[in-house]
Amino acid sequence: MVNIHKLSNGMILVVESLPEVSSAAFVFFTPAGVVRDPRERTGTAAVLTELVYRGAGQWDSRGISEQLDQLGLHRHTSVSSLHSSFSGALVGDNVLRALEMHADILRRPSLAEDQFELCRELALQSLDSLDDDPRQKISLVVNEKYLGYPYGRPAPGKKEELEQLQYDEIKKHWENCYTPEGAILAVAGKVDFDEIKDKVESYFGDWQGEALNDLPPESCQSVNYHLANEGAQVHIGLMYSSVNYNHPDYYKALAAVSVLSGGMGSRLFTEVREKRGLCYAVGAAHRVIANQGAVGCYLGSTPEKAQEGLDVMIAELEKLTEGITEEELGRAKVGLRASLVMQGESTGARASNCAADYFYRGRVRSLEEIEQAVLALTVEDVVEHVRQFRPGNFTVATIGPKELIVRSLETMQS
C-alpha cells in the first residue's frame, strides 16, 4: 500500500509498506541536479554529494561512516539532470535511525573546508576512470550532444571546470539547492506509514529554504560528433526522441525497444552481431532524461566493421515501422514482466520507482497496474506507436580512429 504525505515546507514523503519483507530502502531526491550546477562549474553537484558525508551534525567524517556501518546501511549517491539522490537499503528495524542521520547529512552538513580538496580529487579520479569504461563515456557524450546545455551536462563533471571549482562555490550551491521545496523522500519495505510520517515530520518539518527558480525549456538536437582515438575499438552512441513517463504510449515505447534489444532473440543482437559479426556488443534502452523521453543505443565494434555496423543498426531501427510479429511482442512482454517481478522483490527498486513516479506523474503506480498495461499491449498498438514516433533525427557520437557517416535506410538502399 502506498501513502503520500506533504510536509508544510513542501517536502514530499512517499511510503510503500511491504509487510512480507524484512528489509527497507529509502531514496531522497534533492533538486540539485547537474542542470543547476553553476555555469562553467559542471560537476559541482557530484562533489557536493561526497562532501555532505564528510561530517554532519555531531559527527565527523569517520563518525558518520561508523554509524552508518553499524546500521548495516548499503548506501549510494548519484546525480542526474534534475536531482542529486541519496539512497540506502538495510533491515527494516534500522530505517528510522538512518533517516534521522540523513536529516543531519542533508540539512546540517559540516562542509568542512579541509575535506573539499579530497572530494574534488575523487571526482577528478572518477572522470579519469571513464577512459577505462568507454561504454559509459560514450553514453555521457551522446547524452550531452542530444540535450545540449544545461540538461545534457555530464553529471561526473568536466575536468577543466572541476579544477577551477572553489570551496565557496560548493558551499553556496548547498545553500541554494538543498531545499525542502522540490525534495522527495520515498521509503519502501517493512515500515509503518504513520510511524515514518511522525518521525519524518520531526526530522524535516522545520527545514526551511526557498523554492528554486524555474528551469529553462528543454530542446533536443540532431548532431553528429566524433572524438578521435587511435585505438583498436570503435564505440558508437546513438539517441533519438521518444515519449516520457507521462505519455499514454509509454509502455508501447518500452515494448518497441524490447523488440530491438530484449535479449539474444532481439533484432539488434540477431542482425548486427549474430548474422553479420559486426560488433562485440549492441543494445538499446528507453530512457527518460530530465523530462525528455529518448531511445539510446550502443554499438562496440572495430574500425573495419564500425561503419557497416552503424548502417545495419540504423536500418533495424527504421524497419520497426514495417511491423513486428506476435512472437516478438510475446518475448517483449515476458521480459518486461520479469523486470516487474524483480522490482517487486527489491525494496530499493520500489523506493526508487516511488520517488520517480511521484516526481513525473504526481502519483505512484502499483506493480499490478503496470503489469496490466503491459499485458494489454497488442501488435497494432506497438506498430502504431513506432509509426507515430518514427526513429530518426539521430544524434550520433563516436569514439574511434575515424568519423563515421550517418545514413538513413533510404539512402543506403538508393
Protein backbone atom coordinates (compact mmCIF):
# COMPACT_ATOMS: atom_id res chain seq x y z
CA MET A 1 0.00 0.00 0.00
CA VAL A 2 1.31 3.45 -0.93
CA ASN A 3 0.73 6.57 1.17
CA ILE A 4 1.75 10.12 0.27
CA HIS A 5 2.22 12.99 2.72
CA LYS A 6 3.25 16.59 2.02
CA LEU A 7 5.06 18.44 4.78
CA SER A 8 4.21 22.10 5.39
CA ASN A 9 7.59 23.14 3.97
CA GLY A 10 6.84 21.46 0.62
CA MET A 11 8.85 18.25 1.08
CA ILE A 12 7.06 15.11 -0.16
CA LEU A 13 7.04 11.78 1.66
CA VAL A 14 6.04 8.61 -0.21
CA VAL A 15 5.81 5.34 1.72
CA GLU A 16 5.09 1.88 0.36
CA SER A 17 4.55 -0.69 3.12
CA LEU A 18 5.63 -4.21 2.16
CA PRO A 19 4.92 -6.34 5.27
CA GLU A 20 6.10 -9.55 3.63
CA VAL A 21 9.77 -8.41 3.52
CA SER A 22 12.32 -7.84 6.29
CA SER A 23 14.29 -5.03 4.64
CA ALA A 24 13.61 -1.39 3.91
CA ALA A 25 15.04 1.12 1.50
CA PHE A 26 14.84 4.87 1.02
CA VAL A 27 15.65 7.41 -1.67
CA PHE A 28 16.00 11.16 -1.21
CA PHE A 29 15.63 13.34 -4.30
CA THR A 30 17.06 16.82 -3.76
CA PRO A 31 16.56 19.40 -6.55
CA ALA A 32 20.31 19.71 -7.08
CA GLY A 33 20.72 18.08 -10.47
CA VAL A 34 23.50 18.88 -12.87
CA VAL A 35 21.17 21.31 -14.66
CA ARG A 36 21.62 23.61 -11.66
CA ASP A 37 25.41 23.38 -11.50
CA PRO A 38 26.86 26.90 -11.78
CA ARG A 39 27.89 27.92 -15.27
CA GLU A 40 31.38 26.63 -16.11
CA ARG A 41 31.38 24.51 -12.96
CA THR A 42 29.95 21.23 -14.22
CA GLY A 43 30.45 18.58 -11.54
CA THR A 44 29.56 20.80 -8.58
CA ALA A 45 26.64 18.58 -7.57
CA ALA A 46 28.81 15.46 -7.79
CA VAL A 47 31.46 16.91 -5.46
CA LEU A 48 28.78 18.07 -3.03
CA THR A 49 27.19 14.59 -2.75
CA GLU A 50 30.55 13.37 -1.46
CA LEU A 51 31.26 16.33 0.81
CA VAL A 52 27.98 16.15 2.77
CA TYR A 53 29.04 12.72 4.10
CA ARG A 54 32.36 14.15 5.37
CA GLY A 55 30.82 15.41 8.61
CA ALA A 56 27.32 16.43 9.74
CA GLY A 57 25.55 17.30 12.98
CA GLN A 58 27.68 15.96 15.84
CA TRP A 59 29.64 13.56 13.62
CA ASP A 60 32.89 13.97 11.75
CA SER A 61 33.56 12.02 8.55
CA ARG A 62 34.76 8.90 10.36
CA GLY A 63 31.91 9.07 12.84
CA ILE A 64 29.27 9.16 10.10
CA SER A 65 30.82 6.19 8.34
CA GLU A 66 30.96 4.17 11.56
CA GLN A 67 27.37 4.99 12.47
CA LEU A 68 26.03 4.07 9.05
CA ASP A 69 28.10 0.88 9.00
CA GLN A 70 26.66 -0.13 12.37
CA LEU A 71 23.19 0.20 10.87
CA GLY A 72 24.18 -2.18 8.07
CA LEU A 73 23.33 0.51 5.52
CA HIS A 74 24.21 -0.08 1.88
CA ARG A 75 24.23 3.47 0.53
CA HIS A 76 24.58 5.05 -2.86
CA THR A 77 24.61 8.57 -4.25
CA SER A 78 24.08 9.73 -7.81
CA VAL A 79 23.47 12.88 -9.81
CA SER A 80 21.06 13.12 -12.73
CA SER A 81 19.92 16.05 -14.84
CA LEU A 82 17.35 17.15 -12.27
CA HIS A 83 18.32 15.60 -8.93
CA SER A 84 21.04 14.59 -6.56
CA SER A 85 19.83 11.38 -4.97
CA PHE A 86 20.82 9.67 -1.73
CA SER A 87 19.66 6.10 -1.28
CA GLY A 88 20.14 3.26 1.13
CA ALA A 89 18.95 -0.24 1.96
CA LEU A 90 19.07 -2.02 5.31
CA VAL A 91 16.98 -4.12 7.68
CA GLY A 92 13.62 -2.53 8.38
CA ASP A 93 14.27 -2.11 12.11
CA ASN A 94 17.05 0.42 11.44
CA VAL A 95 15.43 2.62 8.81
CA LEU A 96 14.26 5.35 11.22
CA ARG A 97 17.78 5.84 12.56
CA ALA A 98 19.14 6.01 9.01
CA LEU A 99 16.59 8.69 8.12
CA GLU A 100 17.47 10.65 11.26
CA MET A 101 21.14 10.62 10.31
CA HIS A 102 20.35 11.74 6.78
CA ALA A 103 18.45 14.68 8.20
CA ASP A 104 21.82 15.83 9.58
CA ILE A 105 23.68 14.89 6.39
CA LEU A 106 21.34 16.88 4.11
CA ARG A 107 20.33 19.70 6.44
CA ARG A 108 23.34 20.20 8.68
CA PRO A 109 26.49 19.06 6.86
CA SER A 110 29.75 20.41 8.20
CA LEU A 111 31.00 21.12 4.67
CA ALA A 112 34.49 21.02 6.15
CA GLU A 113 36.86 23.06 4.02
CA ASP A 114 39.74 20.66 4.70
CA GLN A 115 37.67 17.86 3.08
CA PHE A 116 36.86 19.80 -0.08
CA GLU A 117 40.11 19.07 -1.94
CA LEU A 118 39.77 15.35 -1.21
CA CYS A 119 36.23 15.30 -2.60
CA ARG A 120 37.24 17.21 -5.70
CA GLU A 121 40.18 14.86 -6.25
CA LEU A 122 37.81 11.88 -6.06
CA ALA A 123 35.63 13.50 -8.71
CA LEU A 124 38.63 14.02 -10.97
CA GLN A 125 39.73 10.41 -10.49
CA SER A 126 36.22 9.27 -11.39
CA LEU A 127 36.48 11.26 -14.63
CA ASP A 128 39.85 9.68 -15.43
CA SER A 129 38.35 6.22 -14.89
CA LEU A 130 35.99 6.80 -17.83
CA ASP A 131 38.94 6.15 -20.13
CA ASP A 132 38.73 2.55 -18.93
CA ASP A 133 34.96 2.45 -19.42
CA PRO A 134 34.35 3.73 -22.97
CA ARG A 135 30.75 2.50 -22.99
CA GLN A 136 29.91 4.80 -20.09
CA LYS A 137 31.96 7.59 -21.66
CA ILE A 138 30.14 7.44 -24.99
CA SER A 139 26.82 7.40 -23.14
CA LEU A 140 27.71 10.67 -21.43
CA VAL A 141 28.92 12.20 -24.71
CA VAL A 142 25.81 11.33 -26.73
CA ASN A 143 23.60 12.49 -23.87
CA GLU A 144 25.38 15.85 -23.82
CA LYS A 145 25.14 16.30 -27.59
CA TYR A 146 21.48 15.26 -27.69
CA LEU A 147 20.19 17.51 -24.87
CA GLY A 148 22.75 20.29 -25.06
CA TYR A 149 23.25 22.87 -22.32
CA PRO A 150 22.27 22.77 -19.48
CA TYR A 151 20.34 19.47 -19.36
CA GLY A 152 22.94 17.37 -21.13
CA ARG A 153 25.89 18.39 -18.98
CA PRO A 154 27.77 15.28 -17.79
CA ALA A 155 26.95 14.58 -14.15
CA PRO A 156 30.54 13.47 -13.27
CA GLY A 157 31.73 16.91 -14.38
CA LYS A 158 34.30 18.28 -16.78
CA LYS A 159 37.95 18.21 -15.87
CA GLU A 160 38.80 21.82 -16.64
CA GLU A 161 35.73 23.06 -14.77
CA LEU A 162 36.27 20.84 -11.72
CA GLU A 163 39.86 22.07 -11.50
CA GLN A 164 38.55 25.65 -11.23
CA LEU A 165 35.86 24.81 -8.65
CA GLN A 166 36.30 26.65 -5.33
CA TYR A 167 35.13 25.77 -1.83
CA ASP A 168 32.95 28.88 -1.52
CA GLU A 169 31.10 27.85 -4.69
CA ILE A 170 30.33 24.43 -3.20
CA LYS A 171 29.02 25.97 0.00
CA LYS A 172 26.82 28.39 -1.89
CA HIS A 173 25.47 25.58 -4.05
CA TRP A 174 24.38 23.67 -0.94
CA GLU A 175 22.67 26.79 0.42
CA ASN A 176 20.82 27.34 -2.85
CA CYS A 177 19.83 23.81 -3.87
CA TYR A 178 19.41 21.69 -0.75
CA THR A 179 15.91 22.87 -0.02
CA PRO A 180 12.69 21.13 1.10
CA GLU A 181 10.65 22.61 -1.74
CA GLY A 182 11.18 20.07 -4.50
CA ALA A 183 12.65 17.38 -2.23
CA ILE A 184 11.12 13.89 -2.26
CA LEU A 185 11.72 11.11 0.24
CA ALA A 186 10.46 7.64 -0.72
CA VAL A 187 10.59 4.69 1.67
CA ALA A 188 9.64 1.10 0.82
CA GLY A 189 9.73 -2.13 2.78
CA LYS A 190 8.90 -3.31 6.28
CA VAL A 191 7.77 0.06 7.60
CA ASP A 192 4.67 1.60 9.14
CA PHE A 193 3.42 4.73 7.40
CA ASP A 194 2.16 6.54 10.49
CA GLU A 195 5.41 5.94 12.34
CA ILE A 196 7.50 7.05 9.37
CA LYS A 197 5.35 10.15 8.87
CA ASP A 198 5.64 11.25 12.51
CA LYS A 199 9.41 10.75 12.56
CA VAL A 200 9.98 12.46 9.21
CA GLU A 201 7.94 15.44 10.46
CA SER A 202 10.23 15.66 13.48
CA TYR A 203 13.40 15.25 11.41
CA PHE A 204 12.49 17.52 8.48
CA GLY A 205 9.39 19.52 9.42
CA ASP A 206 11.31 22.67 10.40
CA TRP A 207 13.62 22.53 7.37
CA GLN A 208 13.44 25.87 5.60
CA GLY A 209 14.53 27.08 2.19
CA GLU A 210 13.24 28.98 -0.80
CA ALA A 211 11.87 27.29 -3.89
CA LEU A 212 14.32 27.23 -6.79
CA ASN A 213 13.83 29.24 -9.95
CA ASP A 214 12.06 27.62 -12.88
CA LEU A 215 14.30 25.73 -15.26
CA PRO A 216 14.77 26.79 -18.90
CA PRO A 217 12.83 24.93 -21.63
CA GLU A 218 14.35 21.74 -22.96
CA SER A 219 15.29 21.19 -26.58
CA CYS A 220 16.73 18.12 -28.29
CA GLN A 221 19.26 18.23 -31.07
CA SER A 222 20.28 16.15 -34.07
CA VAL A 223 24.08 16.22 -34.01
CA ASN A 224 26.96 14.08 -35.25
CA TYR A 225 30.06 14.22 -33.06
CA HIS A 226 33.36 12.37 -33.31
CA LEU A 227 36.08 12.03 -30.67
CA ALA A 228 39.31 10.85 -32.26
CA ASN A 229 41.02 7.93 -30.56
CA GLU A 230 43.65 5.75 -32.24
CA GLY A 231 42.60 2.51 -30.59
CA ALA A 232 41.55 -0.92 -31.75
CA GLN A 233 37.89 -0.34 -30.88
CA VAL A 234 35.12 1.97 -32.00
CA HIS A 235 32.34 2.99 -29.64
CA ILE A 236 29.11 4.34 -31.06
CA GLY A 237 26.31 6.04 -29.14
CA LEU A 238 23.05 6.93 -30.84
CA MET A 239 19.98 8.67 -29.44
CA TYR A 240 16.61 9.73 -30.79
CA SER A 241 13.41 11.14 -29.37
CA SER A 242 10.70 9.04 -27.73
CA VAL A 243 7.95 9.55 -25.14
CA ASN A 244 8.34 10.30 -21.43
CA TYR A 245 6.78 8.71 -18.34
CA ASN A 246 3.58 10.75 -18.59
CA HIS A 247 2.75 9.86 -22.17
CA PRO A 248 -0.03 7.31 -22.77
CA ASP A 249 2.30 5.48 -25.19
CA TYR A 250 4.98 4.89 -22.56
CA TYR A 251 4.51 1.12 -22.34
CA LYS A 252 4.26 0.84 -26.11
CA ALA A 253 7.65 2.55 -26.32
CA LEU A 254 9.11 0.09 -23.83
CA ALA A 255 7.78 -2.85 -25.84
CA ALA A 256 9.18 -1.46 -29.11
CA VAL A 257 12.65 -1.07 -27.59
CA SER A 258 12.40 -4.57 -26.13
CA VAL A 259 11.79 -5.93 -29.64
CA LEU A 260 15.02 -4.19 -30.65
CA SER A 261 17.08 -5.18 -27.65
CA GLY A 262 15.28 -7.53 -25.29
CA GLY A 263 17.64 -10.48 -25.31
CA MET A 264 19.52 -12.82 -27.64
CA GLY A 265 16.48 -13.14 -29.92
CA SER A 266 16.12 -9.37 -30.36
CA ARG A 267 16.61 -7.68 -33.70
CA LEU A 268 19.79 -5.75 -32.99
CA PHE A 269 21.57 -8.73 -31.44
CA THR A 270 20.46 -11.03 -34.25
CA GLU A 271 21.03 -8.77 -37.25
CA VAL A 272 24.12 -6.84 -36.21
CA ARG A 273 26.03 -9.35 -34.10
CA GLU A 274 24.90 -12.89 -34.85
CA LYS A 275 24.24 -12.81 -38.60
CA ARG A 276 26.96 -10.38 -39.65
CA GLY A 277 29.51 -10.35 -36.82
CA LEU A 278 29.79 -6.57 -36.99
CA CYS A 279 30.20 -5.90 -33.28
CA TYR A 280 31.01 -7.44 -29.93
CA ALA A 281 28.21 -5.54 -28.15
CA VAL A 282 24.99 -3.88 -29.27
CA GLY A 283 21.87 -2.79 -27.45
CA ALA A 284 19.15 -0.19 -26.96
CA ALA A 285 17.26 1.14 -23.95
CA HIS A 286 14.40 3.53 -23.37
CA ARG A 287 15.41 6.42 -21.14
CA VAL A 288 13.86 9.48 -19.58
CA ILE A 289 16.43 12.26 -19.24
CA ALA A 290 15.15 15.36 -17.47
CA ASN A 291 11.59 15.39 -18.85
CA GLN A 292 12.50 14.05 -22.27
CA GLY A 293 11.90 10.50 -23.43
CA ALA A 294 14.60 9.03 -25.65
CA VAL A 295 15.94 5.77 -27.01
CA GLY A 296 19.66 5.34 -26.50
CA CYS A 297 21.68 2.76 -28.45
CA TYR A 298 25.23 1.49 -28.11
CA LEU A 299 27.45 -0.42 -30.51
CA GLY A 300 31.01 -1.56 -29.87
CA SER A 301 32.98 -2.64 -32.92
CA THR A 302 36.32 -2.46 -34.74
CA PRO A 303 37.48 0.27 -37.14
CA GLU A 304 36.99 -2.10 -40.09
CA LYS A 305 33.40 -3.04 -39.25
CA ALA A 306 32.07 0.04 -37.45
CA GLN A 307 30.55 1.81 -40.47
CA GLU A 308 28.61 -1.24 -41.60
CA GLY A 309 27.58 -1.93 -38.02
CA LEU A 310 26.17 1.59 -37.71
CA ASP A 311 24.39 1.24 -41.06
CA VAL A 312 22.72 -2.02 -40.06
CA MET A 313 21.74 -0.70 -36.63
CA ILE A 314 20.03 2.34 -38.17
CA ALA A 315 18.34 0.12 -40.74
CA GLU A 316 16.89 -2.07 -37.98
CA LEU A 317 15.62 0.97 -36.09
CA GLU A 318 13.83 2.25 -39.16
CA LYS A 319 12.46 -1.19 -40.08
CA LEU A 320 10.42 -1.21 -36.88
CA THR A 321 7.82 0.89 -38.72
CA GLU A 322 7.22 -2.02 -41.10
CA GLY A 323 5.75 -4.12 -38.30
CA ILE A 324 6.55 -6.64 -35.59
CA THR A 325 5.37 -10.19 -35.01
CA GLU A 326 3.24 -11.70 -32.25
CA GLU A 327 6.26 -13.76 -31.25
CA GLU A 328 8.40 -10.65 -30.84
CA LEU A 329 5.74 -8.93 -28.77
CA GLY A 330 5.33 -12.04 -26.65
CA ARG A 331 9.07 -12.07 -25.84
CA ALA A 332 8.90 -8.36 -25.02
CA LYS A 333 6.04 -8.90 -22.59
CA VAL A 334 7.84 -11.76 -20.87
CA GLY A 335 10.95 -9.60 -20.44
CA LEU A 336 9.02 -6.62 -19.12
CA ARG A 337 7.06 -8.77 -16.68
CA ALA A 338 10.28 -10.41 -15.46
CA SER A 339 11.64 -6.94 -14.70
CA LEU A 340 8.48 -6.16 -12.76
CA VAL A 341 8.82 -9.30 -10.66
CA MET A 342 12.44 -8.46 -9.79
CA GLN A 343 11.48 -4.88 -8.92
CA GLY A 344 8.71 -6.15 -6.70
CA GLU A 345 11.20 -8.23 -4.72
CA SER A 346 13.65 -5.33 -4.28
CA THR A 347 12.80 -2.64 -1.75
CA GLY A 348 15.49 -0.46 -3.31
CA ALA A 349 13.84 -0.66 -6.73
CA ARG A 350 10.42 0.07 -5.23
CA ALA A 351 11.69 3.11 -3.33
CA SER A 352 13.35 4.47 -6.48
CA ASN A 353 10.24 3.85 -8.57
CA CYS A 354 8.03 5.53 -5.97
CA ALA A 355 10.19 8.66 -5.97
CA ALA A 356 10.37 8.80 -9.78
CA ASP A 357 6.66 8.10 -10.19
CA TYR A 358 5.69 10.89 -7.85
CA PHE A 359 8.08 13.35 -9.47
CA TYR A 360 6.97 12.65 -13.04
CA ARG A 361 3.35 11.60 -12.53
CA GLY A 362 2.25 13.08 -9.22
CA ARG A 363 1.14 9.61 -8.13
CA VAL A 364 2.61 6.12 -7.70
CA ARG A 365 1.67 3.18 -9.91
CA SER A 366 1.24 -0.23 -8.39
CA LEU A 367 3.03 -3.21 -9.89
CA GLU A 368 -0.38 -4.63 -10.77
CA GLU A 369 -1.28 -1.50 -12.75
CA ILE A 370 1.97 -1.68 -14.69
CA GLU A 371 1.56 -5.39 -15.36
CA GLN A 372 -1.95 -4.92 -16.72
CA ALA A 373 -0.75 -2.14 -19.02
CA VAL A 374 1.98 -4.42 -20.37
CA LEU A 375 -0.34 -7.41 -20.83
CA ALA A 376 -2.89 -5.29 -22.70
CA LEU A 377 -0.40 -4.33 -25.45
CA THR A 378 -1.11 -5.56 -28.97
CA VAL A 379 1.00 -5.71 -32.11
CA GLU A 380 -1.16 -2.97 -33.59
CA ASP A 381 -0.56 -0.74 -30.54
CA VAL A 382 3.21 -1.01 -30.79
CA VAL A 383 3.42 -0.58 -34.56
CA GLU A 384 1.11 2.44 -34.46
CA HIS A 385 3.31 3.99 -31.80
CA VAL A 386 6.52 3.41 -33.78
CA ARG A 387 4.98 4.92 -36.90
CA GLN A 388 3.84 7.98 -34.97
CA PHE A 389 7.20 8.37 -33.22
CA ARG A 390 9.46 7.19 -36.00
CA PRO A 391 13.13 6.57 -35.26
CA GLY A 392 15.03 9.40 -36.92
CA ASN A 393 16.81 12.73 -36.47
CA PHE A 394 19.54 10.77 -34.77
CA THR A 395 22.23 12.21 -32.58
CA VAL A 396 25.31 10.04 -33.07
CA ALA A 397 28.58 10.22 -31.15
CA THR A 398 31.60 8.05 -31.91
CA ILE A 399 34.96 7.35 -30.30
CA GLY A 400 37.49 5.82 -32.68
CA PRO A 401 40.13 6.40 -35.35
CA LYS A 402 37.86 7.99 -37.93
CA GLU A 403 34.49 9.69 -38.23
CA LEU A 404 31.55 7.62 -39.48
CA ILE A 405 28.79 8.60 -41.87
CA VAL A 406 25.21 8.59 -40.57
CA ARG A 407 22.95 7.33 -43.36
CA SER A 408 19.24 6.59 -43.44
CA LEU A 409 17.83 3.28 -44.70
CA GLU A 410 16.52 5.09 -47.77
CA THR A 411 19.98 6.42 -48.56
CA MET A 412 21.58 3.01 -48.11
CA GLN A 413 19.06 1.39 -50.47
CA SER A 414 19.43 4.00 -53.22
